Amino acid sequence: MAKTYIQLQQSEGFMIQAATQIFAAHIVAGTMTEENKDALMKQAIRDAIRISVAVDEAIVADSEVG
């Protein structure tokens, strides 16, 4: 099997952390099956992005203040 190399930006790493926590919640809740695991993973990624956008809109970071 060929190795895959991934280089992520810091914000992408944060998205992975959030998405994996959401995905893990499905596993713990027992809602993940072999049939829906790919769909739940993609939904977790979309949810993490949606949460990040909401946070970005709600908070003004120091670097955004001019």
PDB file of N, CA and C in Angstrom:
ATOM      1  N   MET A   1       0.837  -1.171   0.000  1.00  0.00           N
ATOM      2  CA  MET A   1       0.000   0.000   0.000  1.00  0.00           C
ATOM      3  C   MET A   1       0.889   1.243   0.000  1.00  0.00           C
ATOM      4  N   ALA A   2       0.572   2.197  -0.853  1.00  0.00           N
ATOM      5  CA  ALA A   2       1.347   3.426  -0.951  1.00  0.00           C
ATOM      6  C   ALA A   2       1.045   4.328   0.236  1.00  0.00           C
ATOM      7  N   LYS A   3       2.072   5.054   0.668  1.00  0.00           N
ATOM      8  CA  LYS A   3       1.894   5.996   1.768  1.00  0.00           C
ATOM      9  C   LYS A   3       1.233   7.260   1.255  1.00  0.00           C
ATOM     10  N   THR A   4       0.420   7.852   2.087  1.00  0.00           N
ATOM     11  CA  THR A   4      -0.214   9.116   1.769  1.00  0.00           C
ATOM     12  C   THR A   4       0.382  10.183   2.668  1.00  0.00           C
ATOM     13  N   TYR A   5       0.818  11.276   2.072  1.00  0.00           N
ATOM     14  CA  TYR A   5       1.380  12.375   2.828  1.00  0.00           C
ATOM     15  C   TYR A   5       0.394  13.531   2.799  1.00  0.00           C
ATOM     16  N   ILE A   6       0.129  14.071   3.977  1.00  0.00           N
ATOM     17  CA  ILE A   6      -0.828  15.155   4.098  1.00  0.00           C
ATOM     18  C   ILE A   6      -0.156  16.312   4.822  1.00  0.00           C
ATOM     19  N   GLN A   7      -0.305  17.486   4.267  1.00  0.00           N
ATOM     20  CA  GLN A   7       0.203  18.689   4.925  1.00  0.00           C
ATOM     21  C   GLN A   7      -0.987  19.619   5.146  1.00  0.00           C
ATOM     22  N   LEU A   8      -1.339  19.818   6.410  1.00  0.00           N
ATOM     23  CA  LEU A   8      -2.507  20.597   6.744  1.00  0.00           C
ATOM     24  C   LEU A   8      -2.131  21.966   7.301  1.00  0.00           C
ATOM     25  N   GLN A   9      -2.986  22.924   7.056  1.00  0.00           N
ATOM     26  CA  GLN A   9      -2.860  24.219   7.707  1.00  0.00           C
ATOM     27  C   GLN A   9      -3.372  24.060   9.138  1.00  0.00           C
ATOM     28  N   GLN A  10      -2.993  24.971  10.018  1.00  0.00           N
ATOM     29  CA  GLN A  10      -3.404  24.876  11.413  1.00  0.00           C
ATOM     30  C   GLN A  10      -4.927  24.838  11.547  1.00  0.00           C
ATOM     31  N   SER A  11      -5.623  25.677  10.795  1.00  0.00           N
ATOM     32  CA  SER A  11      -7.086  25.711  10.897  1.00  0.00           C
ATOM     33  C   SER A  11      -7.709  24.392  10.436  1.00  0.00           C
ATOM     34  N   GLU A  12      -7.088  23.738   9.472  1.00  0.00           N
ATOM     35  CA  GLU A  12      -7.587  22.435   9.013  1.00  0.00           C
ATOM     36  C   GLU A  12      -7.434  21.386  10.113  1.00  0.00           C
ATOM     37  N   GLY A  13      -6.364  21.489  10.861  1.00  0.00           N
ATOM     38  CA  GLY A  13      -6.161  20.586  11.995  1.00  0.00           C
ATOM     39  C   GLY A  13      -7.248  20.765  13.044  1.00  0.00           C
ATOM     40  N   PHE A  14      -7.627  22.020  13.279  1.00  0.00           N
ATOM     41  CA  PHE A  14      -8.717  22.288  14.225  1.00  0.00           C
ATOM     42  C   PHE A  14     -10.028  21.698  13.718  1.00  0.00           C
ATOM     43  N   MET A  15     -10.249  21.770  12.414  1.00  0.00           N
ATOM     44  CA  MET A  15     -11.468  21.204  11.837  1.00  0.00           C
ATOM     45  C   MET A  15     -11.488  19.690  12.008  1.00  0.00           C
ATOM     46  N   ILE A  16     -10.343  19.054  11.830  1.00  0.00           N
ATOM     47  CA  ILE A  16     -10.254  17.607  12.018  1.00  0.00           C
ATOM     48  C   ILE A  16     -10.589  17.249  13.457  1.00  0.00           C
ATOM     49  N   GLN A  17     -10.054  18.004  14.410  1.00  0.00           N
ATOM     50  CA  GLN A  17     -10.339  17.733  15.823  1.00  0.00           C
ATOM     51  C   GLN A  17     -11.830  17.850  16.110  1.00  0.00           C
ATOM     52  N   ALA A  18     -12.452  18.913  15.620  1.00  0.00           N
ATOM     53  CA  ALA A  18     -13.884  19.105  15.862  1.00  0.00           C
ATOM     54  C   ALA A  18     -14.696  17.998  15.189  1.00  0.00           C
ATOM     55  N   ALA A  19     -14.377  17.690  13.949  1.00  0.00           N
ATOM     56  CA  ALA A  19     -15.126  16.663  13.215  1.00  0.00           C
ATOM     57  C   ALA A  19     -14.972  15.295  13.870  1.00  0.00           C
ATOM     58  N   THR A  20     -13.783  14.972  14.353  1.00  0.00           N
ATOM     59  CA  THR A  20     -13.598  13.669  14.983  1.00  0.00           C
ATOM     60  C   THR A  20     -14.356  13.575  16.298  1.00  0.00           C
ATOM     61  N   GLN A  21     -14.481  14.686  17.014  1.00  0.00           N
ATOM     62  CA  GLN A  21     -15.268  14.672  18.251  1.00  0.00           C
ATOM     63  C   GLN A  21     -16.750  14.453  17.937  1.00  0.00           C
ATOM     64  N   ILE A  22     -17.237  15.100  16.892  1.00  0.00           N
ATOM     65  CA  ILE A  22     -18.631  14.914  16.480  1.00  0.00           C
ATOM     66  C   ILE A  22     -18.835  13.470  16.018  1.00  0.00           C
ATOM     67  N   PHE A  23     -17.914  12.960  15.218  1.00  0.00           N
ATOM     68  CA  PHE A  23     -18.003  11.582  14.720  1.00  0.00           C
ATOM     69  C   PHE A  23     -17.955  10.586  15.880  1.00  0.00           C
ATOM     70  N   ALA A  24     -17.070  10.845  16.845  1.00  0.00           N
ATOM     71  CA  ALA A  24     -16.962   9.963  18.012  1.00  0.00           C
ATOM     72  C   ALA A  24     -18.262   9.942  18.810  1.00  0.00           C
ATOM     73  N   ALA A  25     -18.955  11.070  18.845  1.00  0.00           N
ATOM     74  CA  ALA A  25     -20.237  11.121  19.556  1.00  0.00           C
ATOM     75  C   ALA A  25     -21.248  10.170  18.910  1.00  0.00           C
ATOM     76  N   HIS A  26     -21.205  10.046  17.594  1.00  0.00           N
ATOM     77  CA  HIS A  26     -22.086   9.087  16.911  1.00  0.00           C
ATOM     78  C   HIS A  26     -21.729   7.652  17.290  1.00  0.00           C
ATOM     79  N   ILE A  27     -20.443   7.383  17.408  1.00  0.00           N
ATOM     80  CA  ILE A  27     -20.004   6.034  17.787  1.00  0.00           C
ATOM     81  C   ILE A  27     -20.484   5.711  19.201  1.00  0.00           C
ATOM     82  N   VAL A  28     -20.260   6.652  20.122  1.00  0.00           N
ATOM     83  CA  VAL A  28     -20.663   6.444  21.519  1.00  0.00           C
ATOM     84  C   VAL A  28     -22.184   6.299  21.631  1.00  0.00           C
ATOM     85  N   ALA A  29     -22.912   7.096  20.853  1.00  0.00           N
ATOM     86  CA  ALA A  29     -24.376   7.057  20.899  1.00  0.00           C
ATOM     87  C   ALA A  29     -24.944   5.803  20.238  1.00  0.00           C
ATOM     88  N   GLY A  30     -24.100   5.090  19.502  1.00  0.00           N
ATOM     89  CA  GLY A  30     -24.552   3.874  18.837  1.00  0.00           C
ATOM     90  C   GLY A  30     -25.304   4.118  17.542  1.00  0.00           C
ATOM     91  N   THR A  31     -25.176   5.327  16.985  1.00  0.00           N
ATOM     92  CA  THR A  31     -25.897   5.638  15.744  1.00  0.00           C
ATOM     93  C   THR A  31     -25.095   5.295  14.492  1.00  0.00           C
ATOM     94  N   MET A  32     -23.818   4.966  14.654  1.00  0.00           N
ATOM     95  CA  MET A  32     -22.989   4.636  13.493  1.00  0.00           C
ATOM     96  C   MET A  32     -23.088   3.148  13.185  1.00  0.00           C
ATOM     97  N   THR A  33     -23.272   2.848  11.906  1.00  0.00           N
ATOM     98  CA  THR A  33     -23.263   1.469  11.429  1.00  0.00           C
ATOM     99  C   THR A  33     -22.269   1.383  10.270  1.00  0.00           C
ATOM    100  N   GLU A  34     -21.986   0.180   9.827  1.00  0.00           N
ATOM    101  CA  GLU A  34     -21.120   0.018   8.652  1.00  0.00           C
ATOM    102  C   GLU A  34     -21.739   0.693   7.432  1.00  0.00           C
ATOM    103  N   GLU A  35     -23.055   0.676   7.378  1.00  0.00           N
ATOM    104  CA  GLU A  35     -23.746   1.232   6.220  1.00  0.00           C
ATOM    105  C   GLU A  35     -23.733   2.762   6.194  1.00  0.00           C
ATOM    106  N   ASN A  36     -23.718   3.415   7.358  1.00  0.00           N
ATOM    107  CA  ASN A  36     -23.813   4.876   7.366  1.00  0.00           C
ATOM    108  C   ASN A  36     -22.552   5.591   7.830  1.00  0.00           C
ATOM    109  N   LYS A  37     -21.473   4.852   8.084  1.00  0.00           N
ATOM    110  CA  LYS A  37     -20.291   5.500   8.661  1.00  0.00           C
ATOM    111  C   LYS A  37     -19.679   6.555   7.744  1.00  0.00           C
ATOM    112  N   ASP A  38     -19.653   6.333   6.438  1.00  0.00           N
ATOM    113  CA  ASP A  38     -19.103   7.342   5.531  1.00  0.00           C
ATOM    114  C   ASP A  38     -19.984   8.593   5.509  1.00  0.00           C
ATOM    115  N   ALA A  39     -21.291   8.390   5.491  1.00  0.00           N
ATOM    116  CA  ALA A  39     -22.215   9.525   5.496  1.00  0.00           C
ATOM    117  C   ALA A  39     -22.109  10.307   6.806  1.00  0.00           C
ATOM    118  N   LEU A  40     -21.989   9.596   7.934  1.00  0.00           N
ATOM    119  CA  LEU A  40     -21.849  10.279   9.221  1.00  0.00           C
ATOM    120  C   LEU A  40     -20.534  11.036   9.314  1.00  0.00           C
ATOM    121  N   MET A  41     -19.462  10.479   8.748  1.00  0.00           N
ATOM    122  CA  MET A  41     -18.184  11.177   8.755  1.00  0.00           C
ATOM    123  C   MET A  41     -18.289  12.481   7.967  1.00  0.00           C
ATOM    124  N   LYS A  42     -18.885  12.415   6.784  1.00  0.00           N
ATOM    125  CA  LYS A  42     -19.040  13.620   5.966  1.00  0.00           C
ATOM    126  C   LYS A  42     -19.944  14.633   6.649  1.00  0.00           C
ATOM    127  N   GLN A  43     -20.989  14.151   7.329  1.00  0.00           N
ATOM    128  CA  GLN A  43     -21.876  15.053   8.064  1.00  0.00           C
ATOM    129  C   GLN A  43     -21.134  15.702   9.226  1.00  0.00           C
ATOM    130  N   ALA A  44     -20.279  14.953   9.904  1.00  0.00           N
ATOM    131  CA  ALA A  44     -19.485  15.503  11.008  1.00  0.00           C
ATOM    132  C   ALA A  44     -18.569  16.611  10.507  1.00  0.00           C
ATOM    133  N   ILE A  45     -17.990  16.433   9.337  1.00  0.00           N
ATOM    134  CA  ILE A  45     -17.134  17.470   8.748  1.00  0.00           C
ATOM    135  C   ILE A  45     -17.955  18.709   8.439  1.00  0.00           C
ATOM    136  N   ARG A  46     -19.131  18.528   7.831  1.00  0.00           N
ATOM    137  CA  ARG A  46     -20.006  19.672   7.528  1.00  0.00           C
ATOM    138  C   ARG A  46     -20.437  20.376   8.809  1.00  0.00           C
ATOM    139  N   ASP A  47     -20.747  19.598   9.845  1.00  0.00           N
ATOM    140  CA  ASP A  47     -21.152  20.188  11.121  1.00  0.00           C
ATOM    141  C   ASP A  47     -20.015  20.993  11.741  1.00  0.00           C
ATOM    142  N   ALA A  48     -18.797  20.458  11.689  1.00  0.00           N
ATOM    143  CA  ALA A  48     -17.643  21.176  12.239  1.00  0.00           C
ATOM    144  C   ALA A  48     -17.425  22.495  11.501  1.00  0.00           C
ATOM    145  N   ILE A  49     -17.579  22.481  10.200  1.00  0.00           N
ATOM    146  CA  ILE A  49     -17.429  23.712   9.414  1.00  0.00           C
ATOM    147  C   ILE A  49     -18.529  24.700   9.787  1.00  0.00           C
ATOM    148  N   ARG A  50     -19.753  24.213   9.897  1.00  0.00           N
ATOM    149  CA  ARG A  50     -20.884  25.081  10.252  1.00  0.00           C
ATOM    150  C   ARG A  50     -20.658  25.723  11.627  1.00  0.00           C
ATOM    151  N   ILE A  51     -20.179  24.954  12.585  1.00  0.00           N
ATOM    152  CA  ILE A  51     -19.876  25.482  13.919  1.00  0.00           C
ATOM    153  C   ILE A  51     -18.770  26.529  13.833  1.00  0.00           C
ATOM    154  N   SER A  52     -17.729  26.253  13.063  1.00  0.00           N
ATOM    155  CA  SER A  52     -16.616  27.188  12.926  1.00  0.00           C
ATOM    156  C   SER A  52     -17.057  28.516  12.315  1.00  0.00           C
ATOM    157  N   VAL A  53     -17.914  28.444  11.310  1.00  0.00           N
ATOM    158  CA  VAL A  53     -18.428  29.665  10.675  1.00  0.00           C
ATOM    159  C   VAL A  53     -19.248  30.462  11.684  1.00  0.00           C
ATOM    160  N   ALA A  54     -20.082  29.785  12.464  1.00  0.00           N
ATOM    161  CA  ALA A  54     -20.903  30.470  13.462  1.00  0.00           C
ATOM    162  C   ALA A  54     -20.028  31.152  14.517  1.00  0.00           C
ATOM    163  N   VAL A  55     -18.974  30.473  14.948  1.00  0.00           N
ATOM    164  CA  VAL A  55     -18.052  31.062  15.923  1.00  0.00           C
ATOM    165  C   VAL A  55     -17.344  32.261  15.315  1.00  0.00           C
ATOM    166  N   ASP A  56     -16.894  32.119  14.078  1.00  0.00           N
ATOM    167  CA  ASP A  56     -16.187  33.218  13.409  1.00  0.00           C
ATOM    168  C   ASP A  56     -17.079  34.448  13.266  1.00  0.00           C
ATOM    169  N   GLU A  57     -18.357  34.227  12.997  1.00  0.00           N
ATOM    170  CA  GLU A  57     -19.291  35.343  12.855  1.00  0.00           C
ATOM    171  C   GLU A  57     -19.630  35.976  14.204  1.00  0.00           C
ATOM    172  N   ALA A  58     -19.555  35.198  15.281  1.00  0.00           N
ATOM    173  CA  ALA A  58     -19.943  35.687  16.602  1.00  0.00           C
ATOM    174  C   ALA A  58     -18.816  36.387  17.345  1.00  0.00           C
ATOM    175  N   ILE A  59     -17.576  36.082  16.998  1.00  0.00           N
ATOM    176  CA  ILE A  59     -16.433  36.591  17.748  1.00  0.00           C
ATOM    177  C   ILE A  59     -15.506  37.367  16.824  1.00  0.00           C
ATOM    178  N   VAL A  60     -15.043  38.525  17.298  1.00  0.00           N
ATOM    179  CA  VAL A  60     -14.053  39.309  16.563  1.00  0.00           C
ATOM    180  C   VAL A  60     -12.699  39.049  17.224  1.00  0.00           C
ATOM    181  N   ALA A  61     -11.804  38.443  16.473  1.00  0.00           N
ATOM    182  CA  ALA A  61     -10.478  38.126  16.990  1.00  0.00           C
ATOM    183  C   ALA A  61      -9.620  39.383  17.021  1.00  0.00           C
ATOM    184  N   ASP A  62      -8.587  39.355  17.891  1.00  0.00           N
ATOM    185  CA  ASP A  62      -7.685  40.495  17.997  1.00  0.00           C
ATOM    186  C   ASP A  62      -7.078  40.881  16.655  1.00  0.00           C
ATOM    187  N   SER A  63      -6.745  39.868  15.847  1.00  0.00           N
ATOM    188  CA  SER A  63      -6.116  40.139  14.540  1.00  0.00           C
ATOM    189  C   SER A  63      -7.086  40.767  13.547  1.00  0.00           C
ATOM    190  N   GLU A  64      -8.404  40.702  13.833  1.00  0.00           N
ATOM    191  CA  GLU A  64      -9.390  41.268  12.928  1.00  0.00           C
ATOM    192  C   GLU A  64      -9.736  42.723  13.271  1.00  0.00           C
ATOM    193  N   VAL A  65      -9.234  43.181  14.414  1.00  0.00           N
ATOM    194  CA  VAL A  65      -9.508  44.559  14.846  1.00  0.00           C
ATOM    195  C   VAL A  65      -8.423  45.461  14.298  1.00  0.00           C
ATOM    196  N   GLY A  66      -8.832  46.502  13.604  1.00  0.00           N
ATOM    197  CA  GLY A  66      -7.848  47.378  12.969  1.00  0.00           C
ATOM    198  C   GLY A  66      -7.683  48.605  13.681  1.00  0.00           C
TER     199      GLY A  66
END
